[in-house]
Amino acid sequence: MPWKKEHKSATRGRILETAATAIRAKGVAGLGVAQVMQASGLTHGGFYAHFGSKEDLVASALAHACEESRGRLQAAAERAPEGERLEAVANAYLTSYHMRHPETGCPIAAVGPEVERGEGPARQAYAEYVRGNLDQLEAIAPGKTREQRRRAAAGTYATMIGALLLARALGEEEGEKFLAQARRFLKDQP
């Protein structure tokens, strides 16, 4: 008896969630299909019922992680008053928790450089996510013209990602101070 569509969809979602966490924690090179399937409570043999290849899994899991991250940033923007949304997004991103837990955070900061050097669907998903985030940040950025809003979005986004990467490199205590400095820098921007 074949599985119902809902079961297959739920199973695929479980695999994607597991793979998205694994990619952010261990990188693309550290992602093993057998380990993802086992952690999802499935056998390795069931993999091809959901994905055509490991590359397909990576691209899909990366897109899944990107959407999760985008949703969190969008929620932070929606909770903030008009005119303070871009700062609220940066503050929600530049946290000690995010620094300590790459496995649940932004996939760009976790595996961006690794994915960027590759080709194929994962690279495409990465580029689409970056463009989408810039558009989302531009929509909430202060400024009278589109160019002013785009510049604010680009500067804020670059600061967010760079600050998180550098804070992780510095370690917990020094990293937390660095994140506070980055938040303050963004707050002081016009």
N, C-alpha and C. Protein backbone atom coordinates (compact mmCIF):
# COMPACT_ATOMS: atom_id res chain seq x y z
N MET A 1 0.84 -1.18 0.00
CA MET A 1 0.00 0.00 0.00
C MET A 1 0.89 1.24 0.00
N PRO A 2 0.71 2.14 -0.98
CA PRO A 2 1.55 3.33 -1.05
C PRO A 2 1.23 4.32 0.07
N TRP A 3 2.24 5.12 0.41
CA TRP A 3 2.06 6.14 1.43
C TRP A 3 1.19 7.27 0.89
N LYS A 4 0.45 7.89 1.79
CA LYS A 4 -0.34 9.06 1.41
C LYS A 4 0.59 10.25 1.17
N LYS A 5 0.11 11.21 0.37
CA LYS A 5 0.90 12.39 0.05
C LYS A 5 1.31 13.14 1.32
N GLU A 6 0.41 13.21 2.29
CA GLU A 6 0.71 13.93 3.53
C GLU A 6 1.88 13.29 4.27
N HIS A 7 1.92 11.96 4.26
CA HIS A 7 3.01 11.25 4.93
C HIS A 7 4.35 11.55 4.24
N LYS A 8 4.34 11.50 2.92
CA LYS A 8 5.57 11.76 2.17
C LYS A 8 6.03 13.20 2.39
N SER A 9 5.10 14.12 2.40
CA SER A 9 5.43 15.52 2.62
C SER A 9 6.00 15.74 4.02
N ALA A 10 5.38 15.13 5.01
CA ALA A 10 5.86 15.25 6.39
C ALA A 10 7.24 14.63 6.55
N THR A 11 7.45 13.49 5.89
CA THR A 11 8.75 12.83 5.95
C THR A 11 9.82 13.69 5.30
N ARG A 12 9.51 14.25 4.15
CA ARG A 12 10.46 15.14 3.46
C ARG A 12 10.77 16.35 4.35
N GLY A 13 9.77 16.90 5.00
CA GLY A 13 9.98 18.03 5.90
C GLY A 13 10.91 17.67 7.05
N ARG A 14 10.75 16.48 7.60
CA ARG A 14 11.61 16.02 8.69
C ARG A 14 13.06 15.88 8.20
N ILE A 15 13.22 15.35 7.00
CA ILE A 15 14.57 15.21 6.43
C ILE A 15 15.18 16.60 6.21
N LEU A 16 14.40 17.51 5.66
CA LEU A 16 14.91 18.87 5.41
C LEU A 16 15.31 19.57 6.70
N GLU A 17 14.50 19.43 7.72
CA GLU A 17 14.81 20.06 9.01
C GLU A 17 16.12 19.51 9.57
N THR A 18 16.27 18.20 9.51
CA THR A 18 17.49 17.56 10.00
C THR A 18 18.70 17.99 9.18
N ALA A 19 18.55 17.99 7.86
CA ALA A 19 19.66 18.37 6.98
C ALA A 19 20.01 19.84 7.13
N ALA A 20 19.02 20.71 7.30
CA ALA A 20 19.28 22.14 7.46
C ALA A 20 20.08 22.39 8.73
N THR A 21 19.74 21.70 9.79
CA THR A 21 20.49 21.82 11.05
C THR A 21 21.91 21.30 10.87
N ALA A 22 22.04 20.15 10.20
CA ALA A 22 23.36 19.55 10.00
C ALA A 22 24.26 20.43 9.13
N ILE A 23 23.70 21.01 8.09
CA ILE A 23 24.50 21.88 7.22
C ILE A 23 25.02 23.08 7.99
N ARG A 24 24.14 23.70 8.78
CA ARG A 24 24.57 24.88 9.54
C ARG A 24 25.59 24.50 10.61
N ALA A 25 25.49 23.28 11.16
CA ALA A 25 26.40 22.86 12.22
C ALA A 25 27.75 22.37 11.68
N LYS A 26 27.72 21.61 10.57
CA LYS A 26 28.93 20.94 10.10
C LYS A 26 29.39 21.37 8.72
N GLY A 27 28.60 22.19 8.05
CA GLY A 27 28.94 22.60 6.70
C GLY A 27 28.46 21.59 5.67
N VAL A 28 28.52 21.98 4.43
CA VAL A 28 28.07 21.11 3.35
C VAL A 28 28.95 19.86 3.28
N ALA A 29 30.25 20.03 3.42
CA ALA A 29 31.17 18.90 3.35
C ALA A 29 30.93 17.90 4.49
N GLY A 30 30.43 18.39 5.62
CA GLY A 30 30.17 17.51 6.76
C GLY A 30 28.80 16.85 6.75
N LEU A 31 28.02 17.13 5.71
CA LEU A 31 26.67 16.56 5.62
C LEU A 31 26.75 15.16 5.02
N GLY A 32 26.31 14.18 5.76
CA GLY A 32 26.25 12.80 5.26
C GLY A 32 24.80 12.37 5.09
N VAL A 33 24.48 11.84 3.94
CA VAL A 33 23.12 11.39 3.66
C VAL A 33 22.69 10.33 4.66
N ALA A 34 23.55 9.36 4.92
CA ALA A 34 23.19 8.28 5.85
C ALA A 34 22.90 8.84 7.25
N GLN A 35 23.72 9.79 7.69
CA GLN A 35 23.53 10.37 9.03
C GLN A 35 22.23 11.18 9.09
N VAL A 36 21.93 11.92 8.03
CA VAL A 36 20.69 12.70 8.00
C VAL A 36 19.48 11.77 8.05
N MET A 37 19.52 10.72 7.27
CA MET A 37 18.39 9.79 7.24
C MET A 37 18.23 9.11 8.60
N GLN A 38 19.33 8.70 9.19
CA GLN A 38 19.27 8.06 10.51
C GLN A 38 18.72 9.03 11.56
N ALA A 39 19.21 10.27 11.55
CA ALA A 39 18.74 11.27 12.52
C ALA A 39 17.28 11.62 12.29
N SER A 40 16.79 11.39 11.08
CA SER A 40 15.38 11.63 10.75
C SER A 40 14.51 10.42 11.08
N GLY A 41 15.13 9.36 11.56
CA GLY A 41 14.40 8.15 11.92
C GLY A 41 14.06 7.30 10.71
N LEU A 42 14.86 7.41 9.66
CA LEU A 42 14.59 6.70 8.41
C LEU A 42 15.82 5.90 7.99
N THR A 43 15.60 5.02 7.02
CA THR A 43 16.72 4.25 6.48
C THR A 43 17.34 5.00 5.31
N HIS A 44 18.58 4.71 5.06
CA HIS A 44 19.30 5.34 3.95
C HIS A 44 18.61 5.05 2.62
N GLY A 45 18.03 3.88 2.48
CA GLY A 45 17.37 3.49 1.24
C GLY A 45 16.19 4.37 0.86
N GLY A 46 15.56 5.00 1.83
CA GLY A 46 14.41 5.85 1.54
C GLY A 46 14.78 7.23 1.00
N PHE A 47 16.05 7.54 0.99
CA PHE A 47 16.51 8.86 0.57
C PHE A 47 16.02 9.22 -0.83
N TYR A 48 16.16 8.28 -1.77
CA TYR A 48 15.86 8.59 -3.17
C TYR A 48 14.38 8.70 -3.48
N ALA A 49 13.54 8.39 -2.52
CA ALA A 49 12.11 8.64 -2.69
C ALA A 49 11.81 10.13 -2.52
N HIS A 50 12.78 10.87 -1.95
CA HIS A 50 12.57 12.29 -1.66
C HIS A 50 13.53 13.22 -2.42
N PHE A 51 14.72 12.74 -2.73
CA PHE A 51 15.74 13.58 -3.36
C PHE A 51 16.47 12.80 -4.44
N GLY A 52 16.86 13.48 -5.49
CA GLY A 52 17.56 12.83 -6.59
C GLY A 52 19.04 12.61 -6.33
N SER A 53 19.60 13.43 -5.44
CA SER A 53 21.03 13.34 -5.17
C SER A 53 21.34 14.10 -3.88
N LYS A 54 22.57 13.98 -3.42
CA LYS A 54 22.99 14.75 -2.25
C LYS A 54 22.94 16.24 -2.58
N GLU A 55 23.32 16.60 -3.80
CA GLU A 55 23.28 18.00 -4.22
C GLU A 55 21.86 18.56 -4.14
N ASP A 56 20.89 17.75 -4.51
CA ASP A 56 19.48 18.14 -4.42
C ASP A 56 19.09 18.35 -2.95
N LEU A 57 19.54 17.44 -2.10
CA LEU A 57 19.27 17.58 -0.65
C LEU A 57 19.90 18.86 -0.11
N VAL A 58 21.14 19.11 -0.48
CA VAL A 58 21.84 20.30 0.02
C VAL A 58 21.10 21.56 -0.40
N ALA A 59 20.73 21.65 -1.67
CA ALA A 59 20.02 22.84 -2.17
C ALA A 59 18.69 23.01 -1.46
N SER A 60 17.95 21.93 -1.30
CA SER A 60 16.65 22.00 -0.63
C SER A 60 16.78 22.33 0.84
N ALA A 61 17.76 21.74 1.51
CA ALA A 61 17.98 22.00 2.94
C ALA A 61 18.46 23.43 3.15
N LEU A 62 19.29 23.92 2.26
CA LEU A 62 19.76 25.29 2.36
C LEU A 62 18.59 26.26 2.17
N ALA A 63 17.75 26.00 1.18
CA ALA A 63 16.57 26.84 0.97
C ALA A 63 15.66 26.80 2.20
N HIS A 64 15.50 25.63 2.79
CA HIS A 64 14.68 25.47 4.00
C HIS A 64 15.27 26.30 5.15
N ALA A 65 16.58 26.20 5.36
CA ALA A 65 17.24 26.96 6.43
C ALA A 65 17.11 28.46 6.18
N CYS A 66 17.23 28.85 4.93
CA CYS A 66 17.11 30.27 4.58
C CYS A 66 15.72 30.81 4.89
N GLU A 67 14.71 30.05 4.57
CA GLU A 67 13.33 30.48 4.85
C GLU A 67 13.06 30.56 6.34
N GLU A 68 13.60 29.62 7.10
CA GLU A 68 13.46 29.69 8.56
C GLU A 68 14.08 30.98 9.10
N SER A 69 15.29 31.26 8.65
CA SER A 69 15.99 32.45 9.11
C SER A 69 15.27 33.72 8.68
N ARG A 70 14.82 33.76 7.44
CA ARG A 70 14.10 34.93 6.94
C ARG A 70 12.83 35.15 7.75
N GLY A 71 12.14 34.09 8.11
CA GLY A 71 10.91 34.21 8.91
C GLY A 71 11.17 34.84 10.26
N ARG A 72 12.29 34.46 10.89
CA ARG A 72 12.63 35.05 12.20
C ARG A 72 12.93 36.54 12.07
N LEU A 73 13.64 36.92 11.00
CA LEU A 73 13.95 38.33 10.81
C LEU A 73 12.70 39.13 10.48
N GLN A 74 11.83 38.54 9.70
CA GLN A 74 10.57 39.21 9.36
C GLN A 74 9.72 39.42 10.61
N ALA A 75 9.69 38.44 11.48
CA ALA A 75 8.93 38.57 12.72
C ALA A 75 9.50 39.69 13.59
N ALA A 76 10.82 39.81 13.64
CA ALA A 76 11.44 40.89 14.42
C ALA A 76 11.05 42.25 13.84
N ALA A 77 11.02 42.35 12.52
CA ALA A 77 10.64 43.61 11.87
C ALA A 77 9.18 43.95 12.16
N GLU A 78 8.32 42.97 12.12
CA GLU A 78 6.89 43.20 12.32
C GLU A 78 6.58 43.64 13.75
N ARG A 79 7.39 43.23 14.71
CA ARG A 79 7.16 43.62 16.12
C ARG A 79 7.64 45.05 16.40
N ALA A 80 8.47 45.59 15.53
CA ALA A 80 9.06 46.91 15.79
C ALA A 80 8.20 48.03 15.21
N PRO A 81 8.29 49.20 15.81
CA PRO A 81 7.57 50.36 15.26
C PRO A 81 8.16 50.79 13.92
N GLU A 82 7.35 51.42 13.13
CA GLU A 82 7.80 51.97 11.84
C GLU A 82 9.01 52.86 12.08
N GLY A 83 10.00 52.78 11.23
CA GLY A 83 11.20 53.59 11.37
C GLY A 83 12.28 52.93 12.21
N GLU A 84 11.93 51.88 12.94
CA GLU A 84 12.90 51.17 13.78
C GLU A 84 13.04 49.71 13.37
N ARG A 85 12.45 49.35 12.27
CA ARG A 85 12.41 47.94 11.87
C ARG A 85 13.77 47.39 11.46
N LEU A 86 14.52 48.16 10.70
CA LEU A 86 15.84 47.68 10.27
C LEU A 86 16.74 47.45 11.48
N GLU A 87 16.72 48.37 12.41
CA GLU A 87 17.51 48.22 13.63
C GLU A 87 17.04 47.01 14.44
N ALA A 88 15.74 46.78 14.49
CA ALA A 88 15.19 45.63 15.22
C ALA A 88 15.66 44.32 14.61
N VAL A 89 15.71 44.27 13.29
CA VAL A 89 16.19 43.06 12.61
C VAL A 89 17.66 42.83 12.96
N ALA A 90 18.47 43.88 12.89
CA ALA A 90 19.89 43.75 13.22
C ALA A 90 20.07 43.31 14.67
N ASN A 91 19.29 43.88 15.58
CA ASN A 91 19.40 43.49 16.99
C ASN A 91 18.98 42.05 17.21
N ALA A 92 17.98 41.59 16.48
CA ALA A 92 17.52 40.20 16.60
C ALA A 92 18.57 39.23 16.05
N TYR A 93 19.30 39.67 15.08
CA TYR A 93 20.33 38.84 14.43
C TYR A 93 21.62 38.80 15.23
N LEU A 94 22.02 39.93 15.75
CA LEU A 94 23.32 40.06 16.43
C LEU A 94 23.19 39.75 17.92
N THR A 95 22.83 38.53 18.23
CA THR A 95 22.64 38.11 19.62
C THR A 95 23.69 37.08 20.03
N SER A 96 23.89 36.98 21.32
CA SER A 96 24.79 35.97 21.87
C SER A 96 24.31 34.57 21.52
N TYR A 97 23.01 34.36 21.59
CA TYR A 97 22.46 33.05 21.26
C TYR A 97 22.79 32.68 19.82
N HIS A 98 22.59 33.59 18.91
CA HIS A 98 22.88 33.33 17.50
C HIS A 98 24.37 33.04 17.30
N MET A 99 25.20 33.75 18.01
CA MET A 99 26.64 33.52 17.93
C MET A 99 27.00 32.10 18.39
N ARG A 100 26.38 31.63 19.46
CA ARG A 100 26.70 30.33 20.04
C ARG A 100 26.02 29.16 19.35
N HIS A 101 24.99 29.42 18.55
CA HIS A 101 24.21 28.33 17.96
C HIS A 101 24.07 28.46 16.44
N PRO A 102 25.14 28.25 15.71
CA PRO A 102 25.04 28.34 14.25
C PRO A 102 24.09 27.29 13.66
N GLU A 103 23.91 26.19 14.34
CA GLU A 103 23.06 25.10 13.82
C GLU A 103 21.60 25.50 13.69
N THR A 104 21.19 26.57 14.38
CA THR A 104 19.80 27.02 14.27
C THR A 104 19.68 28.41 13.66
N GLY A 105 20.80 28.98 13.28
CA GLY A 105 20.80 30.37 12.85
C GLY A 105 20.87 30.57 11.35
N CYS A 106 21.41 31.69 10.99
CA CYS A 106 21.50 32.11 9.60
C CYS A 106 22.44 31.20 8.82
N PRO A 107 21.95 30.61 7.74
CA PRO A 107 22.81 29.73 6.95
C PRO A 107 23.90 30.48 6.19
N ILE A 108 23.69 31.76 5.93
CA ILE A 108 24.71 32.53 5.22
C ILE A 108 25.95 32.66 6.10
N ALA A 109 25.75 32.99 7.36
CA ALA A 109 26.89 33.12 8.27
C ALA A 109 27.50 31.76 8.58
N ALA A 110 26.70 30.71 8.55
CA ALA A 110 27.19 29.37 8.89
C ALA A 110 27.96 28.72 7.75
N VAL A 111 27.45 28.81 6.53
CA VAL A 111 28.07 28.09 5.41
C VAL A 111 28.21 28.91 4.14
N GLY A 112 27.94 30.21 4.23
CA GLY A 112 27.97 31.05 3.04
C GLY A 112 29.23 30.92 2.20
N PRO A 113 30.41 31.10 2.78
CA PRO A 113 31.63 31.01 1.96
C PRO A 113 31.80 29.64 1.31
N GLU A 114 31.42 28.59 2.00
CA GLU A 114 31.54 27.24 1.43
C GLU A 114 30.60 27.07 0.24
N VAL A 115 29.37 27.50 0.38
CA VAL A 115 28.38 27.37 -0.69
C VAL A 115 28.72 28.28 -1.85
N GLU A 116 29.20 29.46 -1.54
CA GLU A 116 29.52 30.43 -2.59
C GLU A 116 30.59 29.92 -3.54
N ARG A 117 31.51 29.13 -3.04
CA ARG A 117 32.58 28.59 -3.88
C ARG A 117 32.08 27.47 -4.79
N GLY A 118 30.91 26.93 -4.51
CA GLY A 118 30.39 25.84 -5.31
C GLY A 118 29.59 26.32 -6.50
N GLU A 119 28.99 25.37 -7.17
CA GLU A 119 28.13 25.67 -8.31
C GLU A 119 26.86 24.85 -8.15
N GLY A 120 25.90 25.09 -9.01
CA GLY A 120 24.70 24.28 -9.01
C GLY A 120 23.58 24.84 -8.17
N PRO A 121 22.62 23.98 -7.83
CA PRO A 121 21.41 24.45 -7.17
C PRO A 121 21.62 25.05 -5.78
N ALA A 122 22.58 24.56 -5.03
CA ALA A 122 22.83 25.13 -3.70
C ALA A 122 23.32 26.56 -3.84
N ARG A 123 24.20 26.79 -4.77
CA ARG A 123 24.73 28.14 -5.03
C ARG A 123 23.61 29.07 -5.47
N GLN A 124 22.71 28.55 -6.29
CA GLN A 124 21.58 29.35 -6.76
C GLN A 124 20.64 29.69 -5.61
N ALA A 125 20.36 28.72 -4.74
CA ALA A 125 19.49 28.97 -3.59
C ALA A 125 20.12 30.02 -2.68
N TYR A 126 21.42 29.94 -2.50
CA TYR A 126 22.16 30.90 -1.68
C TYR A 126 22.01 32.32 -2.25
N ALA A 127 22.26 32.46 -3.55
CA ALA A 127 22.17 33.78 -4.19
C ALA A 127 20.75 34.34 -4.13
N GLU A 128 19.75 33.49 -4.34
CA GLU A 128 18.35 33.93 -4.25
C GLU A 128 18.02 34.42 -2.84
N TYR A 129 18.53 33.73 -1.84
CA TYR A 129 18.28 34.11 -0.46
C TYR A 129 18.90 35.47 -0.15
N VAL A 130 20.14 35.67 -0.59
CA VAL A 130 20.80 36.95 -0.35
C VAL A 130 20.01 38.08 -1.00
N ARG A 131 19.62 37.88 -2.26
CA ARG A 131 18.82 38.91 -2.95
C ARG A 131 17.50 39.17 -2.22
N GLY A 132 16.85 38.12 -1.81
CA GLY A 132 15.58 38.26 -1.10
C GLY A 132 15.74 38.99 0.21
N ASN A 133 16.81 38.70 0.93
CA ASN A 133 17.04 39.41 2.20
C ASN A 133 17.32 40.88 1.96
N LEU A 134 18.11 41.18 0.94
CA LEU A 134 18.37 42.59 0.63
C LEU A 134 17.07 43.32 0.28
N ASP A 135 16.21 42.68 -0.49
CA ASP A 135 14.92 43.28 -0.83
C ASP A 135 14.07 43.49 0.43
N GLN A 136 14.04 42.48 1.30
CA GLN A 136 13.27 42.56 2.54
C GLN A 136 13.80 43.69 3.43
N LEU A 137 15.10 43.80 3.55
CA LEU A 137 15.69 44.85 4.38
C LEU A 137 15.48 46.22 3.75
N GLU A 138 15.58 46.30 2.44
CA GLU A 138 15.33 47.58 1.76
C GLU A 138 13.91 48.07 2.03
N ALA A 139 12.96 47.15 2.04
CA ALA A 139 11.56 47.52 2.24
C ALA A 139 11.30 48.14 3.61
N ILE A 140 12.15 47.82 4.59
CA ILE A 140 11.94 48.35 5.95
C ILE A 140 12.97 49.40 6.34
N ALA A 141 13.92 49.65 5.45
CA ALA A 141 15.00 50.59 5.76
C ALA A 141 14.51 52.04 5.72
N PRO A 142 15.11 52.89 6.54
CA PRO A 142 14.77 54.31 6.47
C PRO A 142 15.42 54.93 5.22
N GLY A 143 14.84 56.00 4.76
CA GLY A 143 15.39 56.71 3.62
C GLY A 143 14.27 57.20 2.73
N LYS A 144 14.53 58.29 2.06
CA LYS A 144 13.51 58.88 1.20
C LYS A 144 13.51 58.28 -0.19
N THR A 145 14.68 57.85 -0.66
CA THR A 145 14.75 57.29 -2.00
C THR A 145 15.07 55.80 -1.93
N ARG A 146 14.81 55.13 -3.03
CA ARG A 146 15.12 53.70 -3.10
C ARG A 146 16.62 53.49 -2.91
N GLU A 147 17.43 54.35 -3.50
CA GLU A 147 18.89 54.23 -3.38
C GLU A 147 19.33 54.37 -1.92
N GLN A 148 18.75 55.29 -1.18
CA GLN A 148 19.09 55.45 0.24
C GLN A 148 18.69 54.21 1.03
N ARG A 149 17.51 53.70 0.74
CA ARG A 149 17.04 52.50 1.45
C ARG A 149 17.91 51.28 1.09
N ARG A 150 18.29 51.16 -0.18
CA ARG A 150 19.12 50.03 -0.60
C ARG A 150 20.49 50.11 0.04
N ARG A 151 21.05 51.29 0.12
CA ARG A 151 22.37 51.48 0.75
C ARG A 151 22.30 51.12 2.24
N ALA A 152 21.25 51.56 2.91
CA ALA A 152 21.08 51.22 4.34
C ALA A 152 20.93 49.71 4.51
N ALA A 153 20.16 49.09 3.62
CA ALA A 153 19.95 47.64 3.69
C ALA A 153 21.26 46.90 3.46
N ALA A 154 22.00 47.30 2.44
CA ALA A 154 23.26 46.63 2.11
C ALA A 154 24.27 46.78 3.25
N GLY A 155 24.42 47.99 3.78
CA GLY A 155 25.36 48.21 4.86
C GLY A 155 24.98 47.46 6.13
N THR A 156 23.70 47.45 6.43
CA THR A 156 23.23 46.74 7.62
C THR A 156 23.43 45.24 7.46
N TYR A 157 23.06 44.70 6.30
CA TYR A 157 23.17 43.26 6.05
C TYR A 157 24.64 42.82 6.11
N ALA A 158 25.51 43.58 5.46
CA ALA A 158 26.93 43.24 5.48
C ALA A 158 27.48 43.30 6.90
N THR A 159 27.07 44.28 7.67
CA THR A 159 27.52 44.39 9.05
C THR A 159 27.00 43.23 9.89
N MET A 160 25.75 42.87 9.69
CA MET A 160 25.17 41.75 10.45
C MET A 160 25.96 40.46 10.21
N ILE A 161 26.14 40.11 8.96
CA ILE A 161 26.81 38.85 8.63
C ILE A 161 28.28 38.90 9.07
N GLY A 162 28.96 39.97 8.73
CA GLY A 162 30.37 40.08 9.10
C GLY A 162 30.58 40.09 10.60
N ALA A 163 29.74 40.81 11.32
CA ALA A 163 29.89 40.88 12.77
C ALA A 163 29.66 39.52 13.41
N LEU A 164 28.68 38.77 12.92
CA LEU A 164 28.42 37.45 13.49
C LEU A 164 29.60 36.51 13.22
N LEU A 165 30.12 36.53 12.01
CA LEU A 165 31.29 35.68 11.69
C LEU A 165 32.48 36.04 12.57
N LEU A 166 32.76 37.32 12.72
CA LEU A 166 33.90 37.74 13.52
C LEU A 166 33.69 37.45 15.01
N ALA A 167 32.47 37.65 15.49
CA ALA A 167 32.18 37.35 16.90
C ALA A 167 32.39 35.87 17.20
N ARG A 168 31.98 35.01 16.28
CA ARG A 168 32.21 33.57 16.47
C ARG A 168 33.70 33.26 16.51
N ALA A 169 34.47 33.95 15.71
CA ALA A 169 35.92 33.73 15.70
C ALA A 169 36.57 34.18 17.00
N LEU A 170 36.04 35.22 17.62
CA LEU A 170 36.62 35.78 18.83
C LEU A 170 36.33 34.95 20.08
N GLY A 171 35.28 34.15 20.04
CA GLY A 171 34.91 33.39 21.22
C GLY A 171 33.82 34.10 22.02
N GLU A 172 33.26 33.39 22.97
CA GLU A 172 32.05 33.87 23.65
C GLU A 172 32.16 35.25 24.29
N GLU A 173 33.06 35.43 25.22
CA GLU A 173 33.09 36.69 25.96
C GLU A 173 33.47 37.87 25.05
N GLU A 174 34.55 37.72 24.32
CA GLU A 174 34.98 38.79 23.43
C GLU A 174 33.98 38.97 22.29
N GLY A 175 33.41 37.87 21.84
CA GLY A 175 32.41 37.92 20.77
C GLY A 175 31.17 38.67 21.17
N GLU A 176 30.71 38.48 22.40
CA GLU A 176 29.54 39.21 22.89
C GLU A 176 29.79 40.71 22.91
N LYS A 177 30.97 41.10 23.33
CA LYS A 177 31.32 42.53 23.33
C LYS A 177 31.36 43.06 21.90
N PHE A 178 31.89 42.26 21.00
CA PHE A 178 31.97 42.67 19.60
C PHE A 178 30.57 42.85 19.01
N LEU A 179 29.66 41.93 19.32
CA LEU A 179 28.28 42.06 18.84
C LEU A 179 27.64 43.34 19.36
N ALA A 180 27.89 43.66 20.62
CA ALA A 180 27.33 44.89 21.20
C ALA A 180 27.89 46.11 20.47
N GLN A 181 29.17 46.07 20.12
CA GLN A 181 29.76 47.18 19.38
C GLN A 181 29.13 47.30 17.99
N ALA A 182 28.89 46.18 17.34
CA ALA A 182 28.26 46.21 16.01
C ALA A 182 26.83 46.73 16.09
N ARG A 183 26.08 46.31 17.11
CA ARG A 183 24.72 46.83 17.29
C ARG A 183 24.75 48.34 17.51
N ARG A 184 25.69 48.79 18.31
CA ARG A 184 25.81 50.24 18.58
C ARG A 184 26.18 51.00 17.30
N PHE A 185 27.10 50.44 16.52
CA PHE A 185 27.49 51.06 15.26
C PHE A 185 26.28 51.23 14.35
N LEU A 186 25.47 50.18 14.24
CA LEU A 186 24.28 50.26 13.38
C LEU A 186 23.27 51.25 13.91
N LYS A 187 23.14 51.31 15.23
CA LYS A 187 22.20 52.27 15.84
C LYS A 187 22.60 53.71 15.53
N ASP A 188 23.90 53.96 15.48
CA ASP A 188 24.39 55.32 15.24
C ASP A 188 24.33 55.74 13.77
N GLN A 189 23.96 54.83 12.89
CA GLN A 189 23.87 55.19 11.46
C GLN A 189 22.62 56.02 11.21
N PRO A 190 22.72 56.96 10.27
CA PRO A 190 21.54 57.82 10.00
C PRO A 190 20.40 57.03 9.37
